[in-house]
């Protein structure tokens, strides 16, 4: 049976959060993941993407995650900023709406699996 779009979003987000746990500052990641949807609503997808890209570090990790998702689903293989700058308004608005829905999964999984106390980037201890 084919996956629903919601299932595809959730699987992609979960897979990427699981990988990110080993290489990011978890407290920062959770905080920036929670802030990103608000920033998109307040400033737009383009401004938020450019900000996250330019900040580097954990911000850029989230930029890359969102870019990889939208590259598959909206921008037909183009990086997020390239897709934004080369798209028509309909595609841009679709990408912005998709980003907000996708980032809810990212935020949920970051909250579920990342440790608020974990501020370094060493590998988590197996349970």
PDB file of N, CA and C in Angstrom:
ATOM      1  N   UNK A   1       0.845  -1.174   0.000  1.00  0.00           N
ATOM      2  CA  UNK A   1       0.000   0.000   0.000  1.00  0.00           C
ATOM      3  C   UNK A   1       0.898   1.248   0.000  1.00  0.00           C
ATOM      4  N   UNK A   2       0.612   2.220  -0.855  1.00  0.00           N
ATOM      5  CA  UNK A   2       1.444   3.429  -0.902  1.00  0.00           C
ATOM      6  C   UNK A   2       1.296   4.274   0.361  1.00  0.00           C
ATOM      7  N   UNK A   3       2.363   4.969   0.687  1.00  0.00           N
ATOM      8  CA  UNK A   3       2.346   5.837   1.866  1.00  0.00           C
ATOM      9  C   UNK A   3       1.567   7.125   1.569  1.00  0.00           C
ATOM     10  N   UNK A   4       0.921   7.643   2.591  1.00  0.00           N
ATOM     11  CA  UNK A   4       0.289   8.950   2.461  1.00  0.00           C
ATOM     12  C   UNK A   4       1.383  10.013   2.517  1.00  0.00           C
ATOM     13  N   UNK A   5       1.040  11.208   2.118  1.00  0.00           N
ATOM     14  CA  UNK A   5       2.000  12.313   2.182  1.00  0.00           C
ATOM     15  C   UNK A   5       2.428  12.552   3.629  1.00  0.00           C
ATOM     16  N   UNK A   6       1.502  12.452   4.561  1.00  0.00           N
ATOM     17  CA  UNK A   6       1.825  12.630   5.982  1.00  0.00           C
ATOM     18  C   UNK A   6       2.847  11.583   6.434  1.00  0.00           C
ATOM     19  N   UNK A   7       2.671  10.346   5.990  1.00  0.00           N
ATOM     20  CA  UNK A   7       3.614   9.283   6.345  1.00  0.00           C
ATOM     21  C   UNK A   7       4.992   9.550   5.740  1.00  0.00           C
ATOM     22  N   UNK A   8       5.036  10.018   4.497  1.00  0.00           N
ATOM     23  CA  UNK A   8       6.307  10.327   3.856  1.00  0.00           C
ATOM     24  C   UNK A   8       7.044  11.433   4.605  1.00  0.00           C
ATOM     25  N   UNK A   9       6.296  12.478   4.984  1.00  0.00           N
ATOM     26  CA  UNK A   9       6.897  13.575   5.759  1.00  0.00           C
ATOM     27  C   UNK A   9       7.461  13.050   7.069  1.00  0.00           C
ATOM     28  N   UNK A  10       6.642  12.281   7.774  1.00  0.00           N
ATOM     29  CA  UNK A  10       7.045  11.764   9.084  1.00  0.00           C
ATOM     30  C   UNK A  10       8.274  10.870   8.968  1.00  0.00           C
ATOM     31  N   UNK A  11       8.293   9.985   8.000  1.00  0.00           N
ATOM     32  CA  UNK A  11       9.428   9.077   7.832  1.00  0.00           C
ATOM     33  C   UNK A  11      10.708   9.846   7.517  1.00  0.00           C
ATOM     34  N   UNK A  12      10.617  10.781   6.591  1.00  0.00           N
ATOM     35  CA  UNK A  12      11.794  11.570   6.231  1.00  0.00           C
ATOM     36  C   UNK A  12      12.306  12.346   7.438  1.00  0.00           C
ATOM     37  N   UNK A  13      11.399  13.004   8.165  1.00  0.00           N
ATOM     38  CA  UNK A  13      11.793  13.776   9.344  1.00  0.00           C
ATOM     39  C   UNK A  13      12.414  12.875  10.409  1.00  0.00           C
ATOM     40  N   UNK A  14      11.794  11.746  10.677  1.00  0.00           N
ATOM     41  CA  UNK A  14      12.317  10.829  11.690  1.00  0.00           C
ATOM     42  C   UNK A  14      13.695  10.311  11.308  1.00  0.00           C
ATOM     43  N   UNK A  15      13.855   9.898  10.063  1.00  0.00           N
ATOM     44  CA  UNK A  15      15.160   9.408   9.606  1.00  0.00           C
ATOM     45  C   UNK A  15      16.238  10.473   9.769  1.00  0.00           C
ATOM     46  N   UNK A  16      15.917  11.702   9.398  1.00  0.00           N
ATOM     47  CA  UNK A  16      16.908  12.777   9.473  1.00  0.00           C
ATOM     48  C   UNK A  16      17.203  13.197  10.911  1.00  0.00           C
ATOM     49  N   UNK A  17      16.202  13.224  11.762  1.00  0.00           N
ATOM     50  CA  UNK A  17      16.424  13.556  13.177  1.00  0.00           C
ATOM     51  C   UNK A  17      17.283  12.480  13.824  1.00  0.00           C
ATOM     52  N   UNK A  18      17.023  11.230  13.492  1.00  0.00           N
ATOM     53  CA  UNK A  18      17.807  10.121  14.038  1.00  0.00           C
ATOM     54  C   UNK A  18      19.281  10.269  13.656  1.00  0.00           C
ATOM     55  N   UNK A  19      19.550  10.671  12.410  1.00  0.00           N
ATOM     56  CA  UNK A  19      20.934  10.895  11.980  1.00  0.00           C
ATOM     57  C   UNK A  19      21.534  12.119  12.665  1.00  0.00           C
ATOM     58  N   UNK A  20      20.747  13.176  12.788  1.00  0.00           N
ATOM     59  CA  UNK A  20      21.243  14.438  13.340  1.00  0.00           C
ATOM     60  C   UNK A  20      21.628  14.325  14.804  1.00  0.00           C
ATOM     61  N   UNK A  21      20.987  13.441  15.533  1.00  0.00           N
ATOM     62  CA  UNK A  21      21.266  13.288  16.967  1.00  0.00           C
ATOM     63  C   UNK A  21      22.754  13.101  17.221  1.00  0.00           C
ATOM     64  N   UNK A  22      23.433  12.421  16.322  1.00  0.00           N
ATOM     65  CA  UNK A  22      24.851  12.107  16.511  1.00  0.00           C
ATOM     66  C   UNK A  22      25.778  13.279  16.182  1.00  0.00           C
ATOM     67  N   UNK A  23      25.273  14.296  15.480  1.00  0.00           N
ATOM     68  CA  UNK A  23      26.192  15.310  14.971  1.00  0.00           C
ATOM     69  C   UNK A  23      25.823  16.761  15.280  1.00  0.00           C
ATOM     70  N   UNK A  24      24.747  16.998  16.031  1.00  0.00           N
ATOM     71  CA  UNK A  24      24.346  18.378  16.308  1.00  0.00           C
ATOM     72  C   UNK A  24      24.294  18.650  17.804  1.00  0.00           C
ATOM     73  N   UNK A  25      24.297  19.911  18.140  1.00  0.00           N
ATOM     74  CA  UNK A  25      24.046  20.334  19.517  1.00  0.00           C
ATOM     75  C   UNK A  25      22.540  20.247  19.720  1.00  0.00           C
ATOM     76  N   UNK A  26      22.121  19.252  20.461  1.00  0.00           N
ATOM     77  CA  UNK A  26      20.708  18.908  20.524  1.00  0.00           C
ATOM     78  C   UNK A  26      19.830  20.019  21.088  1.00  0.00           C
ATOM     79  N   UNK A  27      20.287  20.691  22.118  1.00  0.00           N
ATOM     80  CA  UNK A  27      19.490  21.776  22.705  1.00  0.00           C
ATOM     81  C   UNK A  27      19.266  22.881  21.674  1.00  0.00           C
ATOM     82  N   UNK A  28      20.317  23.254  20.974  1.00  0.00           N
ATOM     83  CA  UNK A  28      20.216  24.276  19.917  1.00  0.00           C
ATOM     84  C   UNK A  28      19.284  23.810  18.810  1.00  0.00           C
ATOM     85  N   UNK A  29      19.454  22.578  18.386  1.00  0.00           N
ATOM     86  CA  UNK A  29      18.661  22.042  17.278  1.00  0.00           C
ATOM     87  C   UNK A  29      17.176  22.120  17.608  1.00  0.00           C
ATOM     88  N   UNK A  30      16.822  21.674  18.816  1.00  0.00           N
ATOM     89  CA  UNK A  30      15.423  21.724  19.243  1.00  0.00           C
ATOM     90  C   UNK A  30      14.904  23.160  19.237  1.00  0.00           C
ATOM     91  N   UNK A  31      15.688  24.061  19.757  1.00  0.00           N
ATOM     92  CA  UNK A  31      15.281  25.467  19.826  1.00  0.00           C
ATOM     93  C   UNK A  31      15.091  26.062  18.433  1.00  0.00           C
ATOM     94  N   UNK A  32      16.044  25.847  17.553  1.00  0.00           N
ATOM     95  CA  UNK A  32      15.970  26.410  16.203  1.00  0.00           C
ATOM     96  C   UNK A  32      14.868  25.733  15.383  1.00  0.00           C
ATOM     97  N   UNK A  33      14.638  24.446  15.616  1.00  0.00           N
ATOM     98  CA  UNK A  33      13.545  23.746  14.921  1.00  0.00           C
ATOM     99  C   UNK A  33      12.196  24.302  15.361  1.00  0.00           C
ATOM    100  N   UNK A  34      12.089  24.643  16.637  1.00  0.00           N
ATOM    101  CA  UNK A  34      10.838  25.219  17.147  1.00  0.00           C
ATOM    102  C   UNK A  34      10.623  26.636  16.618  1.00  0.00           C
ATOM    103  N   UNK A  35      11.695  27.384  16.403  1.00  0.00           N
ATOM    104  CA  UNK A  35      11.603  28.773  15.945  1.00  0.00           C
ATOM    105  C   UNK A  35      11.339  28.909  14.452  1.00  0.00           C
ATOM    106  N   UNK A  36      11.778  27.948  13.673  1.00  0.00           N
ATOM    107  CA  UNK A  36      11.732  28.084  12.220  1.00  0.00           C
ATOM    108  C   UNK A  36      10.315  28.299  11.671  1.00  0.00           C
ATOM    109  N   UNK A  37       9.304  27.532  12.101  1.00  0.00           N
ATOM    110  CA  UNK A  37       7.956  27.785  11.563  1.00  0.00           C
ATOM    111  C   UNK A  37       7.449  29.200  11.866  1.00  0.00           C
ATOM    112  N   UNK A  38       7.697  29.686  13.068  1.00  0.00           N
ATOM    113  CA  UNK A  38       7.287  31.044  13.407  1.00  0.00           C
ATOM    114  C   UNK A  38       7.970  32.048  12.492  1.00  0.00           C
ATOM    115  N   UNK A  39       9.258  31.863  12.280  1.00  0.00           N
ATOM    116  CA  UNK A  39      10.000  32.785  11.408  1.00  0.00           C
ATOM    117  C   UNK A  39       9.452  32.757   9.981  1.00  0.00           C
ATOM    118  N   UNK A  40       9.070  31.573   9.505  1.00  0.00           N
ATOM    119  CA  UNK A  40       8.498  31.473   8.155  1.00  0.00           C
ATOM    120  C   UNK A  40       7.178  32.235   8.096  1.00  0.00           C
ATOM    121  N   UNK A  41       6.342  32.074   9.127  1.00  0.00           N
ATOM    122  CA  UNK A  41       5.062  32.793   9.149  1.00  0.00           C
ATOM    123  C   UNK A  41       5.274  34.308   9.228  1.00  0.00           C
ATOM    124  N   UNK A  42       6.255  34.737   9.990  1.00  0.00           N
ATOM    125  CA  UNK A  42       6.494  36.170  10.183  1.00  0.00           C
ATOM    126  C   UNK A  42       7.228  36.824   9.014  1.00  0.00           C
ATOM    127  N   UNK A  43       8.207  36.110   8.449  1.00  0.00           N
ATOM    128  CA  UNK A  43       9.102  36.715   7.460  1.00  0.00           C
ATOM    129  C   UNK A  43       9.020  36.109   6.067  1.00  0.00           C
ATOM    130  N   UNK A  44       8.390  34.949   5.944  1.00  0.00           N
ATOM    131  CA  UNK A  44       8.341  34.259   4.660  1.00  0.00           C
ATOM    132  C   UNK A  44       9.415  33.194   4.559  1.00  0.00           C
ATOM    133  N   UNK A  45       9.195  32.251   3.680  1.00  0.00           N
ATOM    134  CA  UNK A  45      10.124  31.138   3.490  1.00  0.00           C
ATOM    135  C   UNK A  45      11.482  31.608   2.986  1.00  0.00           C
ATOM    136  N   UNK A  46      11.492  32.521   2.025  1.00  0.00           N
ATOM    137  CA  UNK A  46      12.756  32.974   1.442  1.00  0.00           C
ATOM    138  C   UNK A  46      13.659  33.654   2.448  1.00  0.00           C
ATOM    139  N   UNK A  47      13.114  34.589   3.215  1.00  0.00           N
ATOM    140  CA  UNK A  47      13.905  35.305   4.209  1.00  0.00           C
ATOM    141  C   UNK A  47      14.417  34.353   5.290  1.00  0.00           C
ATOM    142  N   UNK A  48      13.557  33.450   5.730  1.00  0.00           N
ATOM    143  CA  UNK A  48      13.952  32.496   6.766  1.00  0.00           C
ATOM    144  C   UNK A  48      15.032  31.554   6.247  1.00  0.00           C
ATOM    145  N   UNK A  49      14.850  31.057   5.029  1.00  0.00           N
ATOM    146  CA  UNK A  49      15.850  30.152   4.446  1.00  0.00           C
ATOM    147  C   UNK A  49      17.204  30.852   4.321  1.00  0.00           C
ATOM    148  N   UNK A  50      17.202  32.080   3.843  1.00  0.00           N
ATOM    149  CA  UNK A  50      18.456  32.821   3.698  1.00  0.00           C
ATOM    150  C   UNK A  50      19.116  33.049   5.055  1.00  0.00           C
ATOM    151  N   UNK A  51      18.316  33.370   6.075  1.00  0.00           N
ATOM    152  CA  UNK A  51      18.845  33.579   7.423  1.00  0.00           C
ATOM    153  C   UNK A  51      19.473  32.293   7.957  1.00  0.00           C
ATOM    154  N   UNK A  52      18.742  31.179   7.888  1.00  0.00           N
ATOM    155  CA  UNK A  52      19.251  29.911   8.411  1.00  0.00           C
ATOM    156  C   UNK A  52      20.503  29.465   7.653  1.00  0.00           C
ATOM    157  N   UNK A  53      20.519  29.671   6.362  1.00  0.00           N
ATOM    158  CA  UNK A  53      21.691  29.314   5.554  1.00  0.00           C
ATOM    159  C   UNK A  53      22.897  30.155   5.986  1.00  0.00           C
ATOM    160  N   UNK A  54      22.685  31.446   6.144  1.00  0.00           N
ATOM    161  CA  UNK A  54      23.796  32.352   6.435  1.00  0.00           C
ATOM    162  C   UNK A  54      24.377  32.170   7.835  1.00  0.00           C
ATOM    163  N   UNK A  55      23.579  31.717   8.781  1.00  0.00           N
ATOM    164  CA  UNK A  55      24.044  31.552  10.161  1.00  0.00           C
ATOM    165  C   UNK A  55      25.024  30.396  10.307  1.00  0.00           C
ATOM    166  N   UNK A  56      24.927  29.403   9.429  1.00  0.00           N
ATOM    167  CA  UNK A  56      25.814  28.252   9.523  1.00  0.00           C
ATOM    168  C   UNK A  56      25.472  27.367  10.714  1.00  0.00           C
ATOM    169  N   UNK A  57      26.338  26.440  11.032  1.00  0.00           N
ATOM    170  CA  UNK A  57      26.178  25.557  12.190  1.00  0.00           C
ATOM    171  C   UNK A  57      24.848  24.839  12.229  1.00  0.00           C
ATOM    172  N   UNK A  58      24.220  24.860  13.395  1.00  0.00           N
ATOM    173  CA  UNK A  58      22.951  24.155  13.601  1.00  0.00           C
ATOM    174  C   UNK A  58      21.848  24.751  12.739  1.00  0.00           C
ATOM    175  N   UNK A  59      21.870  26.058  12.550  1.00  0.00           N
ATOM    176  CA  UNK A  59      20.883  26.682  11.665  1.00  0.00           C
ATOM    177  C   UNK A  59      20.969  26.072  10.261  1.00  0.00           C
ATOM    178  N   UNK A  60      22.202  25.931   9.782  1.00  0.00           N
ATOM    179  CA  UNK A  60      22.373  25.406   8.419  1.00  0.00           C
ATOM    180  C   UNK A  60      21.961  23.938   8.335  1.00  0.00           C
ATOM    181  N   UNK A  61      22.125  23.196   9.419  1.00  0.00           N
ATOM    182  CA  UNK A  61      21.646  21.803   9.446  1.00  0.00           C
ATOM    183  C   UNK A  61      20.138  21.763   9.161  1.00  0.00           C
ATOM    184  N   UNK A  62      19.403  22.667   9.788  1.00  0.00           N
ATOM    185  CA  UNK A  62      17.952  22.724   9.579  1.00  0.00           C
ATOM    186  C   UNK A  62      17.610  23.227   8.182  1.00  0.00           C
ATOM    187  N   UNK A  63      18.376  24.190   7.693  1.00  0.00           N
ATOM    188  CA  UNK A  63      18.202  24.652   6.312  1.00  0.00           C
ATOM    189  C   UNK A  63      18.357  23.467   5.355  1.00  0.00           C
ATOM    190  N   UNK A  64      19.428  22.700   5.550  1.00  0.00           N
ATOM    191  CA  UNK A  64      19.712  21.559   4.669  1.00  0.00           C
ATOM    192  C   UNK A  64      18.605  20.512   4.751  1.00  0.00           C
ATOM    193  N   UNK A  65      18.129  20.238   5.938  1.00  0.00           N
ATOM    194  CA  UNK A  65      17.030  19.282   6.110  1.00  0.00           C
ATOM    195  C   UNK A  65      15.801  19.733   5.335  1.00  0.00           C
ATOM    196  N   UNK A  66      15.404  20.981   5.508  1.00  0.00           N
ATOM    197  CA  UNK A  66      14.230  21.500   4.796  1.00  0.00           C
ATOM    198  C   UNK A  66      14.478  21.523   3.292  1.00  0.00           C
ATOM    199  N   UNK A  67      15.670  21.902   2.900  1.00  0.00           N
ATOM    200  CA  UNK A  67      16.018  21.934   1.480  1.00  0.00           C
ATOM    201  C   UNK A  67      15.901  20.556   0.846  1.00  0.00           C
ATOM    202  N   UNK A  68      16.417  19.542   1.530  1.00  0.00           N
ATOM    203  CA  UNK A  68      16.350  18.176   0.993  1.00  0.00           C
ATOM    204  C   UNK A  68      14.898  17.719   0.820  1.00  0.00           C
ATOM    205  N   UNK A  69      14.049  18.062   1.778  1.00  0.00           N
ATOM    206  CA  UNK A  69      12.642  17.675   1.669  1.00  0.00           C
ATOM    207  C   UNK A  69      11.959  18.404   0.510  1.00  0.00           C
ATOM    208  N   UNK A  70      12.119  19.709   0.447  1.00  0.00           N
ATOM    209  CA  UNK A  70      11.448  20.474  -0.608  1.00  0.00           C
ATOM    210  C   UNK A  70      12.038  20.193  -1.984  1.00  0.00           C
ATOM    211  N   UNK A  71      13.299  19.815  -2.017  1.00  0.00           N
ATOM    212  CA  UNK A  71      13.934  19.422  -3.274  1.00  0.00           C
ATOM    213  C   UNK A  71      13.197  18.216  -3.879  1.00  0.00           C
ATOM    214  N   UNK A  72      12.789  17.298  -3.021  1.00  0.00           N
ATOM    215  CA  UNK A  72      12.069  16.101  -3.477  1.00  0.00           C
ATOM    216  C   UNK A  72      10.624  16.415  -3.843  1.00  0.00           C
ATOM    217  N   UNK A  73       9.977  17.200  -3.005  1.00  0.00           N
ATOM    218  CA  UNK A  73       8.525  17.347  -3.103  1.00  0.00           C
ATOM    219  C   UNK A  73       8.034  18.545  -3.908  1.00  0.00           C
ATOM    220  N   UNK A  74       8.800  19.609  -3.974  1.00  0.00           N
ATOM    221  CA  UNK A  74       8.313  20.829  -4.626  1.00  0.00           C
ATOM    222  C   UNK A  74       9.252  21.323  -5.725  1.00  0.00           C
ATOM    223  N   UNK A  75      10.535  21.404  -5.430  1.00  0.00           N
ATOM    224  CA  UNK A  75      11.474  22.099  -6.305  1.00  0.00           C
ATOM    225  C   UNK A  75      12.183  21.210  -7.329  1.00  0.00           C
ATOM    226  N   UNK A  76      11.760  19.990  -7.473  1.00  0.00           N
ATOM    227  CA  UNK A  76      12.261  19.096  -8.528  1.00  0.00           C
ATOM    228  C   UNK A  76      13.783  19.070  -8.628  1.00  0.00           C
ATOM    229  N   UNK A  77      14.433  18.784  -7.491  1.00  0.00           N
ATOM    230  CA  UNK A  77      15.876  18.604  -7.486  1.00  0.00           C
ATOM    231  C   UNK A  77      16.685  19.864  -7.223  1.00  0.00           C
ATOM    232  N   UNK A  78      16.034  21.010  -7.114  1.00  0.00           N
ATOM    233  CA  UNK A  78      16.766  22.264  -6.869  1.00  0.00           C
ATOM    234  C   UNK A  78      16.895  22.525  -5.378  1.00  0.00           C
ATOM    235  N   UNK A  79      18.037  23.084  -4.990  1.00  0.00           N
ATOM    236  CA  UNK A  79      18.269  23.531  -3.622  1.00  0.00           C
ATOM    237  C   UNK A  79      17.185  24.540  -3.230  1.00  0.00           C
ATOM    238  N   UNK A  80      16.955  24.667  -1.934  1.00  0.00           N
ATOM    239  CA  UNK A  80      15.891  25.530  -1.422  1.00  0.00           C
ATOM    240  C   UNK A  80      15.986  26.972  -1.933  1.00  0.00           C
ATOM    241  N   UNK A  81      17.118  27.623  -1.766  1.00  0.00           N
ATOM    242  CA  UNK A  81      17.224  29.014  -2.205  1.00  0.00           C
ATOM    243  C   UNK A  81      17.119  29.147  -3.721  1.00  0.00           C
ATOM    244  N   UNK A  82      17.683  28.207  -4.445  1.00  0.00           N
ATOM    245  CA  UNK A  82      17.552  28.225  -5.903  1.00  0.00           C
ATOM    246  C   UNK A  82      16.091  28.025  -6.291  1.00  0.00           C
ATOM    247  N   UNK A  83      15.428  27.055  -5.663  1.00  0.00           N
ATOM    248  CA  UNK A  83      14.022  26.806  -5.950  1.00  0.00           C
ATOM    249  C   UNK A  83      13.154  28.020  -5.673  1.00  0.00           C
ATOM    250  N   UNK A  84      13.427  28.689  -4.555  1.00  0.00           N
ATOM    251  CA  UNK A  84      12.658  29.883  -4.194  1.00  0.00           C
ATOM    252  C   UNK A  84      12.846  30.984  -5.231  1.00  0.00           C
ATOM    253  N   UNK A  85      14.079  31.221  -5.632  1.00  0.00           N
ATOM    254  CA  UNK A  85      14.360  32.336  -6.539  1.00  0.00           C
ATOM    255  C   UNK A  85      13.975  32.055  -7.984  1.00  0.00           C
ATOM    256  N   UNK A  86      13.784  30.788  -8.330  1.00  0.00           N
ATOM    257  CA  UNK A  86      13.441  30.456  -9.712  1.00  0.00           C
ATOM    258  C   UNK A  86      11.987  30.033  -9.897  1.00  0.00           C
ATOM    259  N   UNK A  87      11.199  30.056  -8.838  1.00  0.00           N
ATOM    260  CA  UNK A  87       9.822  29.570  -8.910  1.00  0.00           C
ATOM    261  C   UNK A  87       8.827  30.705  -9.093  1.00  0.00           C
ATOM    262  N   UNK A  88       7.651  30.330  -9.596  1.00  0.00           N
ATOM    263  CA  UNK A  88       6.561  31.293  -9.651  1.00  0.00           C
ATOM    264  C   UNK A  88       5.902  31.394  -8.277  1.00  0.00           C
ATOM    265  N   UNK A  89       5.005  32.334  -8.112  1.00  0.00           N
ATOM    266  CA  UNK A  89       4.380  32.585  -6.818  1.00  0.00           C
ATOM    267  C   UNK A  89       3.592  31.369  -6.323  1.00  0.00           C
ATOM    268  N   UNK A  90       2.919  30.671  -7.205  1.00  0.00           N
ATOM    269  CA  UNK A  90       2.143  29.486  -6.813  1.00  0.00           C
ATOM    270  C   UNK A  90       3.065  28.426  -6.194  1.00  0.00           C
ATOM    271  N   UNK A  91       4.196  28.156  -6.836  1.00  0.00           N
ATOM    272  CA  UNK A  91       5.148  27.164  -6.331  1.00  0.00           C
ATOM    273  C   UNK A  91       5.762  27.627  -5.010  1.00  0.00           C
ATOM    274  N   UNK A  92       6.087  28.909  -4.931  1.00  0.00           N
ATOM    275  CA  UNK A  92       6.643  29.463  -3.694  1.00  0.00           C
ATOM    276  C   UNK A  92       5.665  29.285  -2.535  1.00  0.00           C
ATOM    277  N   UNK A  93       4.416  29.622  -2.749  1.00  0.00           N
ATOM    278  CA  UNK A  93       3.413  29.492  -1.688  1.00  0.00           C
ATOM    279  C   UNK A  93       3.177  28.028  -1.314  1.00  0.00           C
ATOM    280  N   UNK A  94       3.213  27.145  -2.311  1.00  0.00           N
ATOM    281  CA  UNK A  94       3.078  25.706  -2.034  1.00  0.00           C
ATOM    282  C   UNK A  94       4.264  25.228  -1.199  1.00  0.00           C
ATOM    283  N   UNK A  95       5.456  25.700  -1.526  1.00  0.00           N
ATOM    284  CA  UNK A  95       6.661  25.319  -0.779  1.00  0.00           C
ATOM    285  C   UNK A  95       6.590  25.851   0.652  1.00  0.00           C
ATOM    286  N   UNK A  96       6.113  27.054   0.813  1.00  0.00           N
ATOM    287  CA  UNK A  96       5.998  27.630   2.150  1.00  0.00           C
ATOM    288  C   UNK A  96       5.004  26.828   2.995  1.00  0.00           C
ATOM    289  N   UNK A  97       3.875  26.492   2.418  1.00  0.00           N
ATOM    290  CA  UNK A  97       2.874  25.693   3.144  1.00  0.00           C
ATOM    291  C   UNK A  97       3.427  24.314   3.482  1.00  0.00           C
ATOM    292  N   UNK A  98       4.104  23.686   2.534  1.00  0.00           N
ATOM    293  CA  UNK A  98       4.692  22.364   2.764  1.00  0.00           C
ATOM    294  C   UNK A  98       5.770  22.440   3.843  1.00  0.00           C
ATOM    295  N   UNK A  99       6.572  23.488   3.821  1.00  0.00           N
ATOM    296  CA  UNK A  99       7.621  23.664   4.831  1.00  0.00           C
ATOM    297  C   UNK A  99       7.017  23.715   6.231  1.00  0.00           C
ATOM    298  N   UNK A 100       5.927  24.445   6.387  1.00  0.00           N
ATOM    299  CA  UNK A 100       5.298  24.559   7.702  1.00  0.00           C
ATOM    300  C   UNK A 100       4.766  23.219   8.200  1.00  0.00           C
ATOM    301  N   UNK A 101       4.165  22.452   7.318  1.00  0.00           N
ATOM    302  CA  UNK A 101       3.642  21.137   7.712  1.00  0.00           C
ATOM    303  C   UNK A 101       4.795  20.183   8.030  1.00  0.00           C
ATOM    304  N   UNK A 102       5.808  20.167   7.178  1.00  0.00           N
ATOM    305  CA  UNK A 102       6.962  19.294   7.390  1.00  0.00           C
ATOM    306  C   UNK A 102       7.698  19.641   8.686  1.00  0.00           C
ATOM    307  N   UNK A 103       7.877  20.922   8.945  1.00  0.00           N
ATOM    308  CA  UNK A 103       8.610  21.337  10.135  1.00  0.00           C
ATOM    309  C   UNK A 103       7.898  20.974  11.432  1.00  0.00           C
ATOM    310  N   UNK A 104       6.588  20.767  11.376  1.00  0.00           N
ATOM    311  CA  UNK A 104       5.880  20.278  12.560  1.00  0.00           C
ATOM    312  C   UNK A 104       6.400  18.894  12.940  1.00  0.00           C
ATOM    313  N   UNK A 105       6.634  18.052  11.937  1.00  0.00           N
ATOM    314  CA  UNK A 105       7.202  16.721  12.204  1.00  0.00           C
ATOM    315  C   UNK A 105       8.614  16.842  12.751  1.00  0.00           C
ATOM    316  N   UNK A 106       9.404  17.710  12.163  1.00  0.00           N
ATOM    317  CA  UNK A 106      10.783  17.903  12.621  1.00  0.00           C
ATOM    318  C   UNK A 106      10.775  18.331  14.091  1.00  0.00           C
ATOM    319  N   UNK A 107       9.952  19.300  14.394  1.00  0.00           N
ATOM    320  CA  UNK A 107       9.848  19.805  15.771  1.00  0.00           C
ATOM    321  C   UNK A 107       9.396  18.698  16.730  1.00  0.00           C
ATOM    322  N   UNK A 108       8.389  17.937  16.341  1.00  0.00           N
ATOM    323  CA  UNK A 108       7.875  16.851  17.186  1.00  0.00           C
ATOM    324  C   UNK A 108       8.957  15.810  17.470  1.00  0.00           C
ATOM    325  N   UNK A 109       9.648  15.381  16.422  1.00  0.00           N
ATOM    326  CA  UNK A 109      10.667  14.348  16.592  1.00  0.00           C
ATOM    327  C   UNK A 109      11.892  14.884  17.334  1.00  0.00           C
ATOM    328  N   UNK A 110      12.265  16.131  17.086  1.00  0.00           N
ATOM    329  CA  UNK A 110      13.382  16.720  17.838  1.00  0.00           C
ATOM    330  C   UNK A 110      13.031  16.754  19.326  1.00  0.00           C
ATOM    331  N   UNK A 111      11.813  17.157  19.638  1.00  0.00           N
ATOM    332  CA  UNK A 111      11.380  17.182  21.042  1.00  0.00           C
ATOM    333  C   UNK A 111      11.335  15.786  21.644  1.00  0.00           C
ATOM    334  N   UNK A 112      10.936  14.813  20.864  1.00  0.00           N
ATOM    335  CA  UNK A 112      10.795  13.442  21.363  1.00  0.00           C
ATOM    336  C   UNK A 112      12.146  12.749  21.569  1.00  0.00           C
ATOM    337  N   UNK A 113      13.096  12.989  20.686  1.00  0.00           N
ATOM    338  CA  UNK A 113      14.311  12.185  20.685  1.00  0.00           C
ATOM    339  C   UNK A 113      15.589  12.919  21.091  1.00  0.00           C
ATOM    340  N   UNK A 114      15.556  14.229  21.112  1.00  0.00           N
ATOM    341  CA  UNK A 114      16.766  14.965  21.469  1.00  0.00           C
ATOM    342  C   UNK A 114      16.731  15.349  22.935  1.00  0.00           C
ATOM    343  N   UNK A 115      17.901  15.318  23.540  1.00  0.00           N
ATOM    344  CA  UNK A 115      18.058  15.578  24.968  1.00  0.00           C
ATOM    345  C   UNK A 115      18.350  17.057  25.198  1.00  0.00           C
ATOM    346  N   UNK A 116      17.504  17.709  25.966  1.00  0.00           N
ATOM    347  CA  UNK A 116      17.658  19.141  26.269  1.00  0.00           C
ATOM    348  C   UNK A 116      19.005  19.439  26.934  1.00  0.00           C
ATOM    349  N   UNK A 117      19.535  18.485  27.671  1.00  0.00           N
ATOM    350  CA  UNK A 117      20.802  18.687  28.388  1.00  0.00           C
ATOM    351  C   UNK A 117      22.009  18.441  27.491  1.00  0.00           C
ATOM    352  N   UNK A 118      21.797  17.822  26.343  1.00  0.00           N
ATOM    353  CA  UNK A 118      22.910  17.452  25.470  1.00  0.00           C
ATOM    354  C   UNK A 118      23.301  18.642  24.611  1.00  0.00           C
ATOM    355  N   UNK A 119      24.403  19.268  24.945  1.00  0.00           N
ATOM    356  CA  UNK A 119      24.834  20.457  24.217  1.00  0.00           C
ATOM    357  C   UNK A 119      26.083  20.218  23.381  1.00  0.00           C
ATOM    358  N   UNK A 120      26.743  19.068  23.575  1.00  0.00           N
ATOM    359  CA  UNK A 120      27.904  18.770  22.736  1.00  0.00           C
ATOM    360  C   UNK A 120      27.448  17.901  21.562  1.00  0.00           C
ATOM    361  N   UNK A 121      28.368  17.516  20.706  1.00  0.00           N
ATOM    362  CA  UNK A 121      28.007  16.746  19.523  1.00  0.00           C
ATOM    363  C   UNK A 121      28.535  15.318  19.561  1.00  0.00           C
ATOM    364  N   UNK A 122      28.860  14.816  20.741  1.00  0.00           N
ATOM    365  CA  UNK A 122      29.326  13.433  20.832  1.00  0.00           C
ATOM    366  C   UNK A 122      28.148  12.473  20.663  1.00  0.00           C
ATOM    367  N   UNK A 123      28.435  11.262  20.323  1.00  0.00           N
ATOM    368  CA  UNK A 123      27.397  10.262  20.086  1.00  0.00           C
ATOM    369  C   UNK A 123      26.646   9.946  21.381  1.00  0.00           C
ATOM    370  N   UNK A 124      25.329   9.724  21.261  1.00  0.00           N
ATOM    371  CA  UNK A 124      24.562   9.359  22.448  1.00  0.00           C
ATOM    372  C   UNK A 124      24.928   7.956  22.921  1.00  0.00           C
ATOM    373  N   UNK A 125      24.770   7.741  24.191  1.00  0.00           N
ATOM    374  CA  UNK A 125      25.009   6.412  24.755  1.00  0.00           C
ATOM    375  C   UNK A 125      23.875   5.475  24.362  1.00  0.00           C
ATOM    376  N   UNK A 126      24.182   4.234  23.955  1.00  0.00           N
ATOM    377  CA  UNK A 126      23.108   3.303  23.641  1.00  0.00           C
ATOM    378  C   UNK A 126      22.282   2.983  24.893  1.00  0.00           C
ATOM    379  N   UNK A 127      20.983   2.796  24.715  1.00  0.00           N
ATOM    380  CA  UNK A 127      20.136   2.506  25.878  1.00  0.00           C
ATOM    381  C   UNK A 127      20.015   1.028  26.108  1.00  0.00           C
TER     382      UNK A 127
END
